[in-house]
Amino acid sequence: MNEQIEGTGIGGWIGKLWQQLQSSSTKNDQVTLATEHVVEIADPVIRQARRYRQVLRDPIAGAMTYFQSLTEVIPGPVVLHRNRYYDDPLVKALFASPDELEEVLRLSPEVNALRQQGHTGEVVAMMTMVQNERTIFGSKQEGEMLLREVQMQAVSFSSHRVVAPAGDLEVTKTGIVERGLEVLASVAMEKITTLRARKAELTGKREYLKGMAKIYSGKSYRQAMFAPPDIQDREELRKIEQLLDEANREFEELQAQIALPEQSLGYLEAIMREPDKMLFARTQSLRLNWMGVRVDNDPDSKGNDIRLAEFSLQEELRRSAVLVSFSLDTTPAP
């Protein structure tokens, strides 16, 4: 039932510019600002590469457009208020109780940061969470028969996170675009850092093996002056030299991948050109009864249709998402 839909601070470094996206001059300024922020996250060394801004301009502009398209398909905004908990099936499905709803908002770092900036009144945000399913056994009516110990799937949500809260929906969407770019930049940063760390590890390993090779070579030389060569020492030296050759080959391979700023730039550019392969979204449709049990395939059972977006990061991280609105005036302070 999933369908591909392709996809803090308040708006952050592009928030004030997004509404004028259609202006080419404004868009150029916006992309330049985004480029600097992305480079700072991925690898500041990239700034040493010639024409890095020009190289990244089109990929980053395309990624921004892609993430903006994803914001248009996130359901909501859904009103969050403890007094409406039992009135909206979606809100009831997302939270175990009205108390949990209030606790999520009360403890949210981004909501509290917004409050500390002096904001009051209505707020719009994206809320993400993890969907959990567990097998339960219960009773089920089929015609005149009451079946017992029927296997069912109960759905709940946990690990709620309020993302990009703002006083305006468009500013929130801008914040979501910003988060998307930061996610891509962090993917590049992880790859670059991993290569550099392995290169540093090999540098130490090579120096150690070179030292050991000298020790065994010197020992063999001294022994050869007075006695036949020690077979065990020669075998150890052979093993050390073999390991050193392997380390040297791997080091040369890494040197060809991560020695220059242009190489880091290449990794970031490649990731920005394919945002849909890194971070994407699917529609998520569920039909739940009043107990939170799935009844998608049971047309005779009463239930409510729940629609969310599901974001995936390279299939390694999945989170459901919905736009929400709430009032800072009625949300308890921490």
Protein backbone atom coordinates (compact mmCIF):
# COMPACT_ATOMS: atom_id res chain seq x y z
CA MET A 1 0.00 0.00 0.00
CA ASN A 2 3.08 2.15 -0.21
CA GLU A 3 3.41 4.38 -3.25
CA GLN A 4 6.53 6.27 -4.34
CA ILE A 5 5.91 10.03 -4.14
CA GLU A 6 9.24 11.53 -4.59
CA GLY A 7 11.67 12.83 -0.81
CA THR A 8 16.20 24.41 12.81
CA GLY A 9 16.37 27.15 13.47
CA ILE A 10 13.39 28.63 11.77
CA GLY A 11 14.04 28.48 8.07
CA GLY A 12 17.71 28.87 8.88
CA TRP A 13 20.14 30.05 6.25
CA ILE A 14 17.60 30.04 3.38
CA GLY A 15 14.42 30.94 5.20
CA LYS A 16 14.29 34.63 4.29
CA LEU A 17 14.88 33.91 0.62
CA TRP A 18 12.63 30.99 -0.25
CA GLN A 19 9.47 32.98 -1.06
CA GLN A 20 11.34 34.73 -3.87
CA LEU A 21 12.61 31.53 -5.45
CA GLN A 22 11.31 32.45 -8.89
CA SER A 23 13.66 35.41 -9.10
CA SER A 24 16.85 34.24 -10.81
CA SER A 25 19.08 36.67 -8.94
CA THR A 26 17.54 35.73 -5.61
CA LYS A 27 17.81 32.06 -6.46
CA ASN A 28 21.51 32.48 -7.23
CA ASP A 29 22.04 34.12 -3.84
CA GLN A 30 20.08 31.36 -2.17
CA VAL A 31 22.06 28.58 -3.84
CA THR A 32 25.35 30.30 -2.99
CA LEU A 33 24.35 30.51 0.66
CA ALA A 34 23.23 26.89 0.68
CA THR A 35 26.48 25.84 -1.00
CA GLU A 36 28.60 27.38 1.74
CA HIS A 37 26.53 25.72 4.46
CA VAL A 38 26.67 22.32 2.77
CA VAL A 39 30.43 22.56 2.19
CA GLU A 40 30.99 23.48 5.84
CA ILE A 41 29.22 20.27 6.88
CA ALA A 42 30.69 17.93 4.28
CA ASP A 43 34.32 19.09 4.27
CA PRO A 44 35.56 22.71 4.53
CA VAL A 45 38.69 21.64 2.61
CA ILE A 46 36.47 21.67 -0.49
CA ARG A 47 36.82 25.46 -0.52
CA GLN A 48 40.41 24.94 -1.67
CA ALA A 49 39.14 23.36 -4.89
CA ARG A 50 38.96 25.65 -7.92
CA ARG A 51 35.47 26.78 -8.95
CA TYR A 52 33.77 24.68 -6.26
CA ARG A 53 30.77 27.03 -6.18
CA GLN A 54 30.21 26.66 -9.90
CA VAL A 55 30.61 22.88 -9.71
CA LEU A 56 28.03 22.60 -6.93
CA ARG A 57 25.53 25.22 -8.13
CA ASP A 58 23.36 23.03 -10.36
CA PRO A 59 23.45 19.91 -8.12
CA ILE A 60 22.47 21.90 -5.01
CA ALA A 61 19.76 23.85 -6.85
CA GLY A 62 18.34 20.55 -8.10
CA ALA A 63 18.43 19.03 -4.62
CA MET A 64 16.61 22.04 -3.20
CA THR A 65 13.89 21.70 -5.82
CA TYR A 66 13.59 17.99 -5.06
CA PHE A 67 13.18 18.51 -1.32
CA GLN A 68 10.69 21.32 -1.92
CA SER A 69 8.58 18.87 -3.94
CA LEU A 70 8.62 16.43 -1.03
CA THR A 71 7.20 19.04 1.33
CA GLU A 72 4.10 19.30 -0.85
CA VAL A 73 3.11 15.69 -0.27
CA ILE A 74 3.47 15.47 3.52
CA PRO A 75 -0.08 15.21 4.95
CA GLY A 76 -1.41 17.83 7.34
CA PRO A 77 -1.18 20.08 9.19
CA VAL A 78 -2.96 18.11 11.89
CA VAL A 79 -3.97 20.01 15.03
CA LEU A 80 -2.29 18.77 18.22
CA HIS A 81 -4.16 19.50 21.44
CA ARG A 82 -4.98 17.20 24.31
CA ASN A 83 -8.67 18.21 24.14
CA ARG A 84 -8.85 17.01 20.51
CA TYR A 85 -7.03 13.74 21.14
CA TYR A 86 -10.12 11.55 20.88
CA ASP A 87 -11.64 13.57 18.01
CA ASP A 88 -8.95 12.88 15.41
CA PRO A 89 -8.14 9.20 14.64
CA LEU A 90 -4.73 10.19 13.28
CA VAL A 91 -3.71 12.01 16.47
CA LYS A 92 -4.97 9.10 18.57
CA ALA A 93 -2.93 6.70 16.45
CA LEU A 94 0.26 8.76 16.76
CA PHE A 95 0.24 9.09 20.54
CA ALA A 96 -0.50 6.58 23.27
CA SER A 97 -2.35 9.19 25.33
CA PRO A 98 -3.04 12.94 25.62
CA ASP A 99 -0.26 13.06 28.22
CA GLU A 100 2.27 11.67 25.75
CA LEU A 101 1.18 14.26 23.18
CA GLU A 102 1.84 17.08 25.63
CA GLU A 103 5.12 15.56 26.77
CA VAL A 104 6.47 15.35 23.21
CA LEU A 105 5.76 19.05 22.65
CA ARG A 106 6.95 20.07 26.11
CA LEU A 107 10.31 18.30 25.80
CA SER A 108 11.02 19.19 22.16
CA PRO A 109 14.34 21.11 21.93
CA GLU A 110 13.21 22.92 18.80
CA VAL A 111 9.88 23.96 20.28
CA ASN A 112 11.62 25.26 23.39
CA ALA A 113 14.18 27.11 21.27
CA LEU A 114 11.31 28.78 19.43
CA ARG A 115 9.69 29.70 22.72
CA GLN A 116 12.96 31.20 24.01
CA GLN A 117 13.13 33.39 20.91
CA GLY A 118 9.90 35.01 22.05
CA HIS A 119 7.47 33.28 19.71
CA THR A 120 3.88 32.83 20.83
CA GLY A 121 0.64 31.63 19.30
CA GLU A 122 0.19 29.03 16.57
CA VAL A 123 3.12 27.00 15.30
CA VAL A 124 3.46 24.68 12.32
CA ALA A 125 6.06 21.90 12.15
CA MET A 126 6.83 18.52 10.70
CA MET A 127 6.64 15.65 13.18
CA THR A 128 8.55 12.45 12.48
CA MET A 129 8.34 9.18 14.38
CA VAL A 130 9.08 5.48 14.17
CA GLN A 131 6.24 3.13 13.29
CA ASN A 132 6.15 -0.06 15.37
CA GLU A 133 4.10 -3.18 14.69
CA ARG A 134 3.66 -6.09 17.06
CA THR A 135 1.65 -9.26 16.90
CA ILE A 136 -1.21 -9.63 19.36
CA PHE A 137 -4.00 -12.18 19.74
CA GLY A 138 -7.61 -11.24 20.27
CA SER A 139 -11.21 -11.99 19.42
CA LYS A 140 -12.82 -11.32 16.06
CA GLN A 141 -16.44 -11.50 14.92
CA GLU A 142 -17.08 -13.25 11.62
CA GLY A 143 -20.78 -13.39 10.88
CA GLU A 144 -22.42 -15.11 13.82
CA MET A 145 -19.17 -16.69 14.95
CA LEU A 146 -16.81 -15.20 17.53
CA LEU A 147 -13.26 -16.31 16.80
CA ARG A 148 -10.75 -16.30 19.63
CA GLU A 149 -6.97 -16.10 19.64
CA VAL A 150 -6.91 -14.48 16.21
CA GLN A 151 -3.50 -13.11 15.19
CA MET A 152 -3.54 -9.33 14.64
CA GLN A 153 -1.04 -6.53 14.02
CA ALA A 154 -1.13 -3.63 16.47
CA VAL A 155 0.44 -0.34 15.32
CA SER A 156 2.02 2.30 17.54
CA PHE A 157 4.46 5.18 17.10
CA SER A 158 7.49 6.17 19.15
CA SER A 159 10.59 8.40 19.08
CA HIS A 160 8.60 11.48 18.09
CA ARG A 161 10.61 14.46 16.83
CA VAL A 162 9.37 17.98 16.06
CA VAL A 163 11.20 19.34 13.01
CA ALA A 164 11.44 22.94 11.74
CA PRO A 165 8.74 24.57 13.89
CA ALA A 166 7.76 28.06 12.74
CA GLY A 167 4.89 30.50 12.81
CA ASP A 168 4.26 30.01 9.10
CA LEU A 169 3.81 26.87 6.98
CA GLU A 170 6.07 28.12 4.19
CA VAL A 171 8.89 28.81 6.65
CA THR A 172 8.47 25.30 8.02
CA LYS A 173 8.72 23.88 4.51
CA THR A 174 11.88 25.90 4.00
CA GLY A 175 13.28 24.37 7.18
CA ILE A 176 12.50 20.90 5.83
CA VAL A 177 14.40 21.70 2.63
CA GLU A 178 17.32 22.84 4.77
CA ARG A 179 17.25 19.57 6.71
CA GLY A 180 17.28 17.61 3.47
CA LEU A 181 20.41 19.39 2.25
CA GLU A 182 22.08 18.84 5.60
CA VAL A 183 21.31 15.13 5.42
CA LEU A 184 22.98 14.87 2.00
CA ALA A 185 25.97 16.88 3.24
CA SER A 186 26.34 14.55 6.23
CA VAL A 187 26.33 11.52 3.91
CA ALA A 188 29.23 13.08 1.98
CA MET A 189 30.98 13.96 5.24
CA GLU A 190 30.73 10.37 6.44
CA LYS A 191 32.26 9.01 3.24
CA ILE A 192 35.07 11.57 3.19
CA THR A 193 35.83 11.12 6.88
CA THR A 194 35.85 7.33 6.56
CA LEU A 195 38.38 7.47 3.72
CA ARG A 196 40.58 9.92 5.61
CA ALA A 197 40.43 7.86 8.79
CA ARG A 198 41.43 4.71 6.93
CA LYS A 199 44.26 6.58 5.24
CA ALA A 200 45.54 7.82 8.60
CA GLU A 201 45.27 4.31 10.01
CA LEU A 202 47.30 2.93 7.11
CA THR A 203 49.93 5.64 7.57
CA GLY A 204 50.51 4.48 11.13
CA LYS A 205 50.43 0.83 10.12
CA ARG A 206 53.02 1.39 7.38
CA GLU A 207 55.39 3.17 9.75
CA TYR A 208 55.04 0.38 12.29
CA LEU A 209 55.70 -2.33 9.69
CA LYS A 210 58.69 -0.42 8.31
CA GLY A 211 60.13 -0.27 11.81
CA MET A 212 59.56 -3.97 12.39
CA ALA A 213 61.13 -4.81 9.04
CA LYS A 214 64.26 -2.83 9.99
CA ILE A 215 64.47 -4.60 13.33
CA TYR A 216 64.28 -8.08 11.81
CA SER A 217 66.60 -7.13 8.93
CA GLY A 218 69.20 -5.86 11.40
CA LYS A 219 68.82 -8.93 13.57
CA SER A 220 69.28 -11.24 10.59
CA TYR A 221 72.35 -9.28 9.47
CA ARG A 222 74.00 -9.56 12.90
CA GLN A 223 73.28 -13.26 13.16
CA ALA A 224 74.59 -13.91 9.65
CA MET A 225 77.99 -12.59 10.71
CA PHE A 226 78.48 -15.40 13.25
CA ALA A 227 75.90 -18.12 12.53
CA PRO A 228 73.53 -19.49 9.92
CA PRO A 229 70.39 -17.34 9.37
CA ASP A 230 67.56 -18.02 11.80
CA ILE A 231 64.72 -19.60 9.81
CA GLN A 232 62.03 -18.31 12.17
CA ASP A 233 63.31 -14.73 11.96
CA ARG A 234 63.46 -14.90 8.17
CA GLU A 235 59.86 -16.14 8.07
CA GLU A 236 58.75 -13.29 10.34
CA LEU A 237 60.53 -10.81 8.09
CA ARG A 238 58.83 -12.29 5.03
CA LYS A 239 55.40 -11.92 6.68
CA ILE A 240 56.14 -8.34 7.70
CA GLU A 241 57.26 -7.42 4.18
CA GLN A 242 54.13 -9.01 2.73
CA LEU A 243 51.90 -7.02 5.10
CA LEU A 244 53.83 -3.87 4.25
CA ASP A 245 53.31 -4.45 0.53
CA GLU A 246 49.57 -4.89 1.10
CA ALA A 247 49.39 -1.74 3.23
CA ASN A 248 51.32 0.22 0.61
CA ARG A 249 48.97 -0.90 -2.16
CA GLU A 250 45.88 0.03 -0.17
CA PHE A 251 47.44 3.36 0.77
CA GLU A 252 48.11 4.17 -2.88
CA GLU A 253 44.51 3.31 -3.74
CA LEU A 254 43.23 5.64 -1.02
CA GLN A 255 45.69 8.33 -2.06
CA ALA A 256 43.98 8.29 -5.46
CA GLN A 257 40.59 8.77 -3.78
CA ILE A 258 41.05 11.37 -1.05
CA ALA A 259 44.35 13.23 -1.41
CA LEU A 260 43.01 16.42 -3.05
CA PRO A 261 40.20 18.90 -2.28
CA GLU A 262 38.81 18.20 -5.76
CA GLN A 263 38.22 14.59 -4.76
CA SER A 264 36.13 15.61 -1.74
CA LEU A 265 34.26 18.00 -4.02
CA GLY A 266 33.54 15.13 -6.39
CA TYR A 267 31.94 13.04 -3.64
CA LEU A 268 29.73 15.92 -2.52
CA GLU A 269 28.73 16.76 -6.09
CA ALA A 270 27.77 13.15 -6.84
CA ILE A 271 25.58 12.91 -3.75
CA MET A 272 23.86 16.24 -4.43
CA ARG A 273 23.08 15.18 -8.01
CA GLU A 274 21.05 12.18 -6.85
CA PRO A 275 19.07 13.26 -3.77
CA ASP A 276 16.31 10.79 -4.59
CA LYS A 277 18.75 7.90 -4.12
CA MET A 278 19.80 9.12 -0.69
CA LEU A 279 16.56 10.40 0.81
CA PHE A 280 13.14 9.54 -0.54
CA ALA A 281 9.56 9.27 0.59
CA ARG A 282 6.56 7.02 0.11
CA THR A 283 2.94 7.49 1.00
CA GLN A 284 1.96 5.39 3.98
CA SER A 285 -1.68 4.35 4.24
CA LEU A 286 -3.06 2.41 7.20
CA ARG A 287 -6.53 1.44 8.28
CA LEU A 288 -6.73 1.08 12.06
CA ASN A 289 -9.57 0.21 14.40
CA TRP A 290 -10.14 1.96 17.73
CA MET A 291 -7.51 -0.25 19.40
CA GLY A 292 -4.81 0.62 16.85
CA VAL A 293 -5.06 -2.78 15.15
CA ARG A 294 -4.65 -2.98 11.37
CA VAL A 295 -7.83 -3.84 9.49
CA ASP A 296 -6.60 -3.00 5.98
CA ASN A 297 -7.69 -6.35 4.59
CA ASP A 298 -10.91 -6.66 6.57
CA PRO A 299 -13.63 -4.56 4.88
CA ASP A 300 -16.24 -5.68 7.42
CA SER A 301 -14.30 -4.24 10.36
CA LYS A 302 -14.76 -0.66 11.45
CA GLY A 303 -11.65 1.44 11.11
CA ASN A 304 -10.19 4.80 10.20
CA ASP A 305 -7.89 5.53 7.29
CA ILE A 306 -4.56 6.99 8.38
CA ARG A 307 -2.28 8.68 5.86
CA LEU A 308 1.35 9.61 6.52
CA ALA A 309 4.57 10.05 4.59
CA GLU A 310 7.45 7.66 5.19
CA PHE A 311 10.98 8.99 4.74
CA SER A 312 13.86 6.61 4.13
CA LEU A 313 17.58 7.36 4.18
CA GLN A 314 19.30 4.81 1.96
CA GLU A 315 17.01 2.16 3.42
CA GLU A 316 18.92 2.38 6.72
CA LEU A 317 16.58 4.81 8.48
CA ARG A 318 12.80 4.96 8.18
CA ARG A 319 10.55 7.52 9.84
CA SER A 320 6.91 8.38 9.36
CA ALA A 321 6.06 12.07 8.97
CA VAL A 322 3.10 14.43 9.11
CA LEU A 323 2.71 18.20 9.30
CA VAL A 324 1.26 19.37 12.62
CA SER A 325 0.08 22.60 14.18
CA PHE A 326 -0.21 23.55 17.84
CA SER A 327 -0.27 26.60 20.06
CA LEU A 328 2.67 27.66 22.18
CA ASP A 329 0.18 29.40 24.44
CA THR A 330 -1.47 26.11 25.43
CA THR A 331 1.61 23.87 25.22
CA PRO A 332 3.16 23.35 28.67
CA ALA A 333 6.65 24.78 29.14
CA PRO A 334 9.40 22.41 30.33
